[in-house]
Full PDB file with SEQRES, HELIX, SHEET, SSBOND, CRYST1, ORIGX, SCALE, CONECT and MASTER records, all heavy atoms in Angstrom:
SEQRES   1 A   30  ILE ALA GLY SER ILE VAL LYS ILE THR TRP PHE PHE VAL          
SEQRES   2 A   30  ASP ASN SER GLY THR VAL PHE PHE PRO LYS PHE ILE SER          
SEQRES   3 A   30  ASN ASN ASN LYS                                              
HELIX    1 AA1 ALA A    2  LYS A    7  1                                   6    
HELIX    2 AA2 ILE A    8  TRP A   10  5                                   3    
HELIX    3 AA3 PHE A   11  ASN A   29  1                                  19    
CRYST1    1.000    1.000    1.000  90.00  90.00  90.00 P 1           1          
ORIGX1      1.000000  0.000000  0.000000        0.00000                         
ORIGX2      0.000000  1.000000  0.000000        0.00000                         
ORIGX3      0.000000  0.000000  1.000000        0.00000                         
SCALE1      1.000000  0.000000  0.000000        0.00000                         
SCALE2      0.000000  1.000000  0.000000        0.00000                         
SCALE3      0.000000  0.000000  1.000000        0.00000                         
ATOM      1  N   ILE A   1       5.706 210.698 112.494  1.00  0.00           N  
ATOM      2  CA  ILE A   1       5.895 209.658 113.514  1.00  0.00           C  
ATOM      3  C   ILE A   1       5.629 208.322 112.885  1.00  0.00           C  
ATOM      4  O   ILE A   1       6.474 207.333 113.138  1.00  0.00           O  
ATOM      5  CB  ILE A   1       4.983 209.877 114.726  1.00  0.00           C  
ATOM      6  CG1 ILE A   1       5.416 211.271 115.442  1.00  0.00           C  
ATOM      7  CG2 ILE A   1       5.137 208.721 115.694  1.00  0.00           C  
ATOM      8  CD1 ILE A   1       6.826 211.331 115.900  1.00  0.00           C  
ATOM      9  N   ALA A   2       4.670 208.183 112.228  1.00  0.00           N  
ATOM     10  CA  ALA A   2       4.261 206.886 111.526  1.00  0.00           C  
ATOM     11  C   ALA A   2       5.366 206.408 110.614  1.00  0.00           C  
ATOM     12  O   ALA A   2       5.877 205.248 110.650  1.00  0.00           O  
ATOM     13  CB  ALA A   2       2.899 206.875 110.864  1.00  0.00           C  
ATOM     14  N   GLY A   3       5.835 207.315 109.789  1.00  0.00           N  
ATOM     15  CA  GLY A   3       6.942 206.942 108.873  1.00  0.00           C  
ATOM     16  C   GLY A   3       8.206 206.573 109.534  1.00  0.00           C  
ATOM     17  O   GLY A   3       9.004 205.734 109.159  1.00  0.00           O  
ATOM     18  N   SER A   4       8.459 207.285 110.707  1.00  0.00           N  
ATOM     19  CA  SER A   4       9.705 207.126 111.349  1.00  0.00           C  
ATOM     20  C   SER A   4       9.727 205.732 112.051  1.00  0.00           C  
ATOM     21  O   SER A   4      10.814 205.013 112.065  1.00  0.00           O  
ATOM     22  CB  SER A   4       9.962 208.177 112.518  1.00  0.00           C  
ATOM     23  OG  SER A   4      10.008 209.447 111.968  1.00  0.00           O  
ATOM     24  N   ILE A   5       8.571 205.231 112.496  1.00  0.00           N  
ATOM     25  CA  ILE A   5       8.476 203.936 113.134  1.00  0.00           C  
ATOM     26  C   ILE A   5       8.650 202.872 112.037  1.00  0.00           C  
ATOM     27  O   ILE A   5       9.395 201.841 112.320  1.00  0.00           O  
ATOM     28  CB  ILE A   5       7.146 203.799 113.845  1.00  0.00           C  
ATOM     29  CG1 ILE A   5       7.116 204.690 115.068  1.00  0.00           C  
ATOM     30  CG2 ILE A   5       6.844 202.373 114.211  1.00  0.00           C  
ATOM     31  CD1 ILE A   5       5.748 204.747 115.731  1.00  0.00           C  
ATOM     32  N   VAL A   6       8.069 203.020 110.973  1.00  0.00           N  
ATOM     33  CA  VAL A   6       8.227 202.140 109.799  1.00  0.00           C  
ATOM     34  C   VAL A   6       9.616 201.935 109.460  1.00  0.00           C  
ATOM     35  O   VAL A   6       9.983 200.735 109.052  1.00  0.00           O  
ATOM     36  CB  VAL A   6       7.284 202.591 108.673  1.00  0.00           C  
ATOM     37  CG1 VAL A   6       7.555 201.749 107.387  1.00  0.00           C  
ATOM     38  CG2 VAL A   6       5.864 202.461 108.986  1.00  0.00           C  
ATOM     39  N   LYS A   7      10.360 202.966 109.371  1.00  0.00           N  
ATOM     40  CA  LYS A   7      11.802 202.818 108.943  1.00  0.00           C  
ATOM     41  C   LYS A   7      12.570 201.875 109.732  1.00  0.00           C  
ATOM     42  O   LYS A   7      13.618 201.371 109.316  1.00  0.00           O  
ATOM     43  CB  LYS A   7      12.530 204.234 108.922  1.00  0.00           C  
ATOM     44  CG  LYS A   7      11.930 205.112 107.665  1.00  0.00           C  
ATOM     45  CD  LYS A   7      12.636 206.500 107.763  1.00  0.00           C  
ATOM     46  CE  LYS A   7      12.110 207.356 106.604  1.00  0.00           C  
ATOM     47  NZ  LYS A   7      12.725 208.638 106.586  1.00  0.00           N  
ATOM     48  N   ILE A   8      12.186 201.694 110.968  1.00  0.00           N  
ATOM     49  CA  ILE A   8      12.894 200.757 111.920  1.00  0.00           C  
ATOM     50  C   ILE A   8      12.912 199.380 111.336  1.00  0.00           C  
ATOM     51  O   ILE A   8      13.831 198.549 111.470  1.00  0.00           O  
ATOM     52  CB  ILE A   8      12.250 200.787 113.242  1.00  0.00           C  
ATOM     53  CG1 ILE A   8      12.381 202.126 113.975  1.00  0.00           C  
ATOM     54  CG2 ILE A   8      12.811 199.695 114.187  1.00  0.00           C  
ATOM     55  CD1 ILE A   8      11.602 202.300 115.295  1.00  0.00           C  
ATOM     56  N   THR A   9      11.757 198.974 110.567  1.00  0.00           N  
ATOM     57  CA  THR A   9      11.656 197.680 110.029  1.00  0.00           C  
ATOM     58  C   THR A   9      12.600 197.439 108.790  1.00  0.00           C  
ATOM     59  O   THR A   9      12.805 196.267 108.422  1.00  0.00           O  
ATOM     60  CB  THR A   9      10.172 197.375 109.586  1.00  0.00           C  
ATOM     61  OG1 THR A   9       9.890 198.238 108.425  1.00  0.00           O  
ATOM     62  CG2 THR A   9       9.233 197.533 110.642  1.00  0.00           C  
ATOM     63  N   TRP A  10      13.238 198.488 108.270  1.00  0.00           N  
ATOM     64  CA  TRP A  10      14.123 198.437 107.204  1.00  0.00           C  
ATOM     65  C   TRP A  10      15.552 198.207 107.708  1.00  0.00           C  
ATOM     66  O   TRP A  10      16.528 198.077 106.910  1.00  0.00           O  
ATOM     67  CB  TRP A  10      13.961 199.531 106.291  1.00  0.00           C  
ATOM     68  CG  TRP A  10      12.621 199.697 105.670  1.00  0.00           C  
ATOM     69  CD1 TRP A  10      11.713 198.658 105.489  1.00  0.00           C  
ATOM     70  CD2 TRP A  10      12.046 200.803 105.061  1.00  0.00           C  
ATOM     71  NE1 TRP A  10      10.621 199.152 104.913  1.00  0.00           N  
ATOM     72  CE2 TRP A  10      10.718 200.467 104.562  1.00  0.00           C  
ATOM     73  CE3 TRP A  10      12.427 202.087 104.938  1.00  0.00           C  
ATOM     74  CZ2 TRP A  10       9.952 201.376 103.924  1.00  0.00           C  
ATOM     75  CZ3 TRP A  10      11.567 203.037 104.335  1.00  0.00           C  
ATOM     76  CH2 TRP A  10      10.367 202.704 103.875  1.00  0.00           C  
ATOM     77  N   PHE A  11      15.820 198.377 109.001  1.00  0.00           N  
ATOM     78  CA  PHE A  11      17.206 198.357 109.489  1.00  0.00           C  
ATOM     79  C   PHE A  11      17.926 197.131 109.096  1.00  0.00           C  
ATOM     80  O   PHE A  11      19.040 197.176 108.682  1.00  0.00           O  
ATOM     81  CB  PHE A  11      17.128 198.473 110.994  1.00  0.00           C  
ATOM     82  CG  PHE A  11      18.461 198.446 111.695  1.00  0.00           C  
ATOM     83  CD1 PHE A  11      19.298 199.600 111.659  1.00  0.00           C  
ATOM     84  CD2 PHE A  11      18.995 197.232 112.211  1.00  0.00           C  
ATOM     85  CE1 PHE A  11      20.541 199.492 112.305  1.00  0.00           C  
ATOM     86  CE2 PHE A  11      20.301 197.228 112.837  1.00  0.00           C  
ATOM     87  CZ  PHE A  11      20.990 198.377 112.834  1.00  0.00           C  
ATOM     88  N   PHE A  12      17.388 195.972 109.329  1.00  0.00           N  
ATOM     89  CA  PHE A  12      18.132 194.663 109.003  1.00  0.00           C  
ATOM     90  C   PHE A  12      18.431 194.542 107.480  1.00  0.00           C  
ATOM     91  O   PHE A  12      19.536 194.311 107.138  1.00  0.00           O  
ATOM     92  CB  PHE A  12      17.253 193.470 109.511  1.00  0.00           C  
ATOM     93  CG  PHE A  12      17.889 192.153 109.052  1.00  0.00           C  
ATOM     94  CD1 PHE A  12      18.948 191.654 109.907  1.00  0.00           C  
ATOM     95  CD2 PHE A  12      17.444 191.412 108.040  1.00  0.00           C  
ATOM     96  CE1 PHE A  12      19.536 190.477 109.567  1.00  0.00           C  
ATOM     97  CE2 PHE A  12      18.022 190.177 107.703  1.00  0.00           C  
ATOM     98  CZ  PHE A  12      19.138 189.698 108.463  1.00  0.00           C  
ATOM     99  N   VAL A  13      17.491 194.839 106.666  1.00  0.00           N  
ATOM    100  CA  VAL A  13      17.759 194.682 105.248  1.00  0.00           C  
ATOM    101  C   VAL A  13      18.620 195.737 104.711  1.00  0.00           C  
ATOM    102  O   VAL A  13      19.448 195.401 103.872  1.00  0.00           O  
ATOM    103  CB  VAL A  13      16.316 194.609 104.417  1.00  0.00           C  
ATOM    104  CG1 VAL A  13      15.752 196.044 104.463  1.00  0.00           C  
ATOM    105  CG2 VAL A  13      16.466 194.241 103.074  1.00  0.00           C  
ATOM    106  N   ASP A  14      18.597 196.940 105.218  1.00  0.00           N  
ATOM    107  CA  ASP A  14      19.507 197.934 104.834  1.00  0.00           C  
ATOM    108  C   ASP A  14      21.049 197.504 105.099  1.00  0.00           C  
ATOM    109  O   ASP A  14      21.867 197.683 104.231  1.00  0.00           O  
ATOM    110  CB  ASP A  14      19.246 199.298 105.399  1.00  0.00           C  
ATOM    111  CG  ASP A  14      18.046 200.038 104.753  1.00  0.00           C  
ATOM    112  OD1 ASP A  14      17.806 199.730 103.487  1.00  0.00           O  
ATOM    113  OD2 ASP A  14      17.358 200.849 105.449  1.00  0.00           O  
ATOM    114  N   ASN A  15      21.202 197.143 106.305  1.00  0.00           N  
ATOM    115  CA  ASN A  15      22.563 196.749 106.775  1.00  0.00           C  
ATOM    116  C   ASN A  15      22.980 195.389 106.072  1.00  0.00           C  
ATOM    117  O   ASN A  15      24.177 195.310 105.741  1.00  0.00           O  
ATOM    118  CB  ASN A  15      22.589 196.549 108.227  1.00  0.00           C  
ATOM    119  CG  ASN A  15      22.522 197.943 108.975  1.00  0.00           C  
ATOM    120  OD1 ASN A  15      23.510 198.474 109.005  1.00  0.00           O  
ATOM    121  ND2 ASN A  15      21.401 198.340 109.412  1.00  0.00           N  
ATOM    122  N   SER A  16      22.104 194.507 105.861  1.00  0.00           N  
ATOM    123  CA  SER A  16      22.384 193.260 105.130  1.00  0.00           C  
ATOM    124  C   SER A  16      22.836 193.557 103.778  1.00  0.00           C  
ATOM    125  O   SER A  16      23.783 192.901 103.213  1.00  0.00           O  
ATOM    126  CB  SER A  16      21.206 192.232 105.204  1.00  0.00           C  
ATOM    127  OG  SER A  16      20.882 191.918 106.539  1.00  0.00           O  
ATOM    128  N   GLY A  17      22.019 194.425 103.082  1.00  0.00           N  
ATOM    129  CA  GLY A  17      22.437 194.702 101.688  1.00  0.00           C  
ATOM    130  C   GLY A  17      23.745 195.349 101.561  1.00  0.00           C  
ATOM    131  O   GLY A  17      24.485 195.068 100.579  1.00  0.00           O  
ATOM    132  N   THR A  18      24.117 196.216 102.440  1.00  0.00           N  
ATOM    133  CA  THR A  18      25.502 196.751 102.580  1.00  0.00           C  
ATOM    134  C   THR A  18      26.597 195.743 102.660  1.00  0.00           C  
ATOM    135  O   THR A  18      27.608 195.699 101.990  1.00  0.00           O  
ATOM    136  CB  THR A  18      25.595 197.807 103.574  1.00  0.00           C  
ATOM    137  OG1 THR A  18      24.578 198.892 103.405  1.00  0.00           O  
ATOM    138  CG2 THR A  18      26.903 198.501 103.591  1.00  0.00           C  
ATOM    139  N   VAL A  19      26.267 194.751 103.573  1.00  0.00           N  
ATOM    140  CA  VAL A  19      27.203 193.707 103.776  1.00  0.00           C  
ATOM    141  C   VAL A  19      27.467 192.747 102.707  1.00  0.00           C  
ATOM    142  O   VAL A  19      28.560 192.298 102.421  1.00  0.00           O  
ATOM    143  CB  VAL A  19      26.866 192.987 105.145  1.00  0.00           C  
ATOM    144  CG1 VAL A  19      27.755 191.685 105.298  1.00  0.00           C  
ATOM    145  CG2 VAL A  19      26.899 193.819 106.313  1.00  0.00           C  
ATOM    146  N   PHE A  20      26.266 192.384 102.037  1.00  0.00           N  
ATOM    147  CA  PHE A  20      26.302 191.324 101.003  1.00  0.00           C  
ATOM    148  C   PHE A  20      26.697 191.961  99.619  1.00  0.00           C  
ATOM    149  O   PHE A  20      26.854 191.142  98.620  1.00  0.00           O  
ATOM    150  CB  PHE A  20      24.985 190.673 100.852  1.00  0.00           C  
ATOM    151  CG  PHE A  20      24.721 189.711 102.083  1.00  0.00           C  
ATOM    152  CD1 PHE A  20      23.479 189.789 102.750  1.00  0.00           C  
ATOM    153  CD2 PHE A  20      25.733 188.810 102.459  1.00  0.00           C  
ATOM    154  CE1 PHE A  20      23.386 188.976 103.830  1.00  0.00           C  
ATOM    155  CE2 PHE A  20      25.428 188.015 103.511  1.00  0.00           C  
ATOM    156  CZ  PHE A  20      24.237 187.987 104.225  1.00  0.00           C  
ATOM    157  N   PHE A  21      26.579 193.230  99.504  1.00  0.00           N  
ATOM    158  CA  PHE A  21      26.894 193.887  98.135  1.00  0.00           C  
ATOM    159  C   PHE A  21      28.218 193.418  97.520  1.00  0.00           C  
ATOM    160  O   PHE A  21      28.330 192.988  96.392  1.00  0.00           O  
ATOM    161  CB  PHE A  21      26.821 195.433  98.248  1.00  0.00           C  
ATOM    162  CG  PHE A  21      27.097 196.052  96.858  1.00  0.00           C  
ATOM    163  CD1 PHE A  21      26.037 196.024  95.908  1.00  0.00           C  
ATOM    164  CD2 PHE A  21      28.215 196.813  96.718  1.00  0.00           C  
ATOM    165  CE1 PHE A  21      26.235 196.657  94.695  1.00  0.00           C  
ATOM    166  CE2 PHE A  21      28.387 197.511  95.396  1.00  0.00           C  
ATOM    167  CZ  PHE A  21      27.442 197.344  94.451  1.00  0.00           C  
ATOM    168  N   PRO A  22      29.356 193.452  98.340  1.00  0.00           N  
ATOM    169  CA  PRO A  22      30.592 192.987  97.753  1.00  0.00           C  
ATOM    170  C   PRO A  22      30.524 191.439  97.330  1.00  0.00           C  
ATOM    171  O   PRO A  22      31.207 190.978  96.396  1.00  0.00           O  
ATOM    172  CB  PRO A  22      31.636 193.167  98.932  1.00  0.00           C  
ATOM    173  CG  PRO A  22      31.027 194.185  99.716  1.00  0.00           C  
ATOM    174  CD  PRO A  22      29.587 193.936  99.562  1.00  0.00           C  
ATOM    175  N   LYS A  23      29.740 190.654  98.137  1.00  0.00           N  
ATOM    176  CA  LYS A  23      29.557 189.264  97.857  1.00  0.00           C  
ATOM    177  C   LYS A  23      28.869 189.073  96.458  1.00  0.00           C  
ATOM    178  O   LYS A  23      29.155 188.150  95.720  1.00  0.00           O  
ATOM    179  CB  LYS A  23      28.820 188.585  98.934  1.00  0.00           C  
ATOM    180  CG  LYS A  23      28.507 187.063  98.721  1.00  0.00           C  
ATOM    181  CD  LYS A  23      29.751 186.259  98.874  1.00  0.00           C  
ATOM    182  CE  LYS A  23      29.561 184.867  98.812  1.00  0.00           C  
ATOM    183  NZ  LYS A  23      30.746 184.005  98.795  1.00  0.00           N  
ATOM    184  N   PHE A  24      27.834 189.916  96.168  1.00  0.00           N  
ATOM    185  CA  PHE A  24      27.115 189.914  94.929  1.00  0.00           C  
ATOM    186  C   PHE A  24      27.993 190.178  93.840  1.00  0.00           C  
ATOM    187  O   PHE A  24      27.989 189.450  92.745  1.00  0.00           O  
ATOM    188  CB  PHE A  24      25.951 190.820  94.917  1.00  0.00           C  
ATOM    189  CG  PHE A  24      24.811 190.607  95.843  1.00  0.00           C  
ATOM    190  CD1 PHE A  24      23.967 191.585  96.362  1.00  0.00           C  
ATOM    191  CD2 PHE A  24      24.581 189.261  96.258  1.00  0.00           C  
ATOM    192  CE1 PHE A  24      22.982 191.320  97.177  1.00  0.00           C  
ATOM    193  CE2 PHE A  24      23.532 188.931  97.082  1.00  0.00           C  
ATOM    194  CZ  PHE A  24      22.713 189.954  97.554  1.00  0.00           C  
ATOM    195  N   ILE A  25      28.971 191.096  94.019  1.00  0.00           N  
ATOM    196  CA  ILE A  25      29.929 191.527  92.986  1.00  0.00           C  
ATOM    197  C   ILE A  25      30.808 190.297  92.630  1.00  0.00           C  
ATOM    198  O   ILE A  25      31.117 189.959  91.527  1.00  0.00           O  
ATOM    199  CB  ILE A  25      30.773 192.660  93.323  1.00  0.00           C  
ATOM    200  CG1 ILE A  25      29.729 193.950  93.342  1.00  0.00           C  
ATOM    201  CG2 ILE A  25      31.812 192.906  92.245  1.00  0.00           C  
ATOM    202  CD1 ILE A  25      30.406 195.228  93.763  1.00  0.00           C  
ATOM    203  N   SER A  26      31.309 189.802  93.744  1.00  0.00           N  
ATOM    204  CA  SER A  26      32.154 188.513  93.730  1.00  0.00           C  
ATOM    205  C   SER A  26      31.563 187.412  92.955  1.00  0.00           C  
ATOM    206  O   SER A  26      32.129 186.688  92.128  1.00  0.00           O  
ATOM    207  CB  SER A  26      32.647 188.081  95.024  1.00  0.00           C  
ATOM    208  OG  SER A  26      33.383 186.901  95.104  1.00  0.00           O  
ATOM    209  N   ASN A  27      30.226 187.110  93.332  1.00  0.00           N  
ATOM    210  CA  ASN A  27      29.481 186.063  92.678  1.00  0.00           C  
ATOM    211  C   ASN A  27      29.397 186.326  91.156  1.00  0.00           C  
ATOM    212  O   ASN A  27      29.237 185.409  90.305  1.00  0.00           O  
ATOM    213  CB  ASN A  27      28.160 185.812  93.255  1.00  0.00           C  
ATOM    214  CG  ASN A  27      28.238 185.306  94.607  1.00  0.00           C  
ATOM    215  OD1 ASN A  27      29.157 184.577  94.977  1.00  0.00           O  
ATOM    216  ND2 ASN A  27      27.231 185.424  95.514  1.00  0.00           N  
ATOM    217  N   ASN A  28      29.060 187.560  90.841  1.00  0.00           N  
ATOM    218  CA  ASN A  28      28.960 188.035  89.385  1.00  0.00           C  
ATOM    219  C   ASN A  28      30.225 187.613  88.637  1.00  0.00           C  
ATOM    220  O   ASN A  28      30.183 187.078  87.544  1.00  0.00           O  
ATOM    221  CB  ASN A  28      28.639 189.428  89.280  1.00  0.00           C  
ATOM    222  CG  ASN A  28      27.325 189.768  89.729  1.00  0.00           C  
ATOM    223  OD1 ASN A  28      26.401 188.984  89.799  1.00  0.00           O  
ATOM    224  ND2 ASN A  28      27.067 191.019  90.089  1.00  0.00           N  
ATOM    225  N   ASN A  29      31.361 187.925  89.256  1.00  0.00           N  
ATOM    226  CA  ASN A  29      32.697 187.588  88.527  1.00  0.00           C  
ATOM    227  C   ASN A  29      32.939 186.116  88.393  1.00  0.00           C  
ATOM    228  O   ASN A  29      33.571 185.690  87.496  1.00  0.00           O  
ATOM    229  CB  ASN A  29      33.786 188.196  89.387  1.00  0.00           C  
ATOM    230  CG  ASN A  29      33.817 189.873  89.456  1.00  0.00           C  
ATOM    231  OD1 ASN A  29      33.209 190.357  88.492  1.00  0.00           O  
ATOM    232  ND2 ASN A  29      34.218 190.426  90.478  1.00  0.00           N  
ATOM    233  N   LYS A  30      32.298 185.398  89.263  1.00  0.00           N  
ATOM    234  CA  LYS A  30      32.450 183.863  89.177  1.00  0.00           C  
ATOM    235  C   LYS A  30      31.354 183.242  88.557  1.00  0.00           C  
ATOM    236  O   LYS A  30      31.225 181.993  88.466  1.00  0.00           O  
ATOM    237  CB  LYS A  30      32.564 183.308  90.615  1.00  0.00           C  
ATOM    238  CG  LYS A  30      33.689 183.798  91.475  1.00  0.00           C  
ATOM    239  CD  LYS A  30      33.623 183.282  92.812  1.00  0.00           C  
ATOM    240  CE  LYS A  30      34.782 183.873  93.727  1.00  0.00           C  
ATOM    241  NZ  LYS A  30      34.692 183.382  95.140  1.00  0.00           N  
TER     242      LYS A  30                                                      
MASTER        0    0    0    3    0    0    0    6  241    1    0    3          
END                                                                             
């Protein structure tokens, strides 16, 4: 239960990382 509650705090960063990953690749190319 404790671990399940803690995973909620990672929701934003997990989804942000997925969204920004293509942007990181684009920035690397530039």
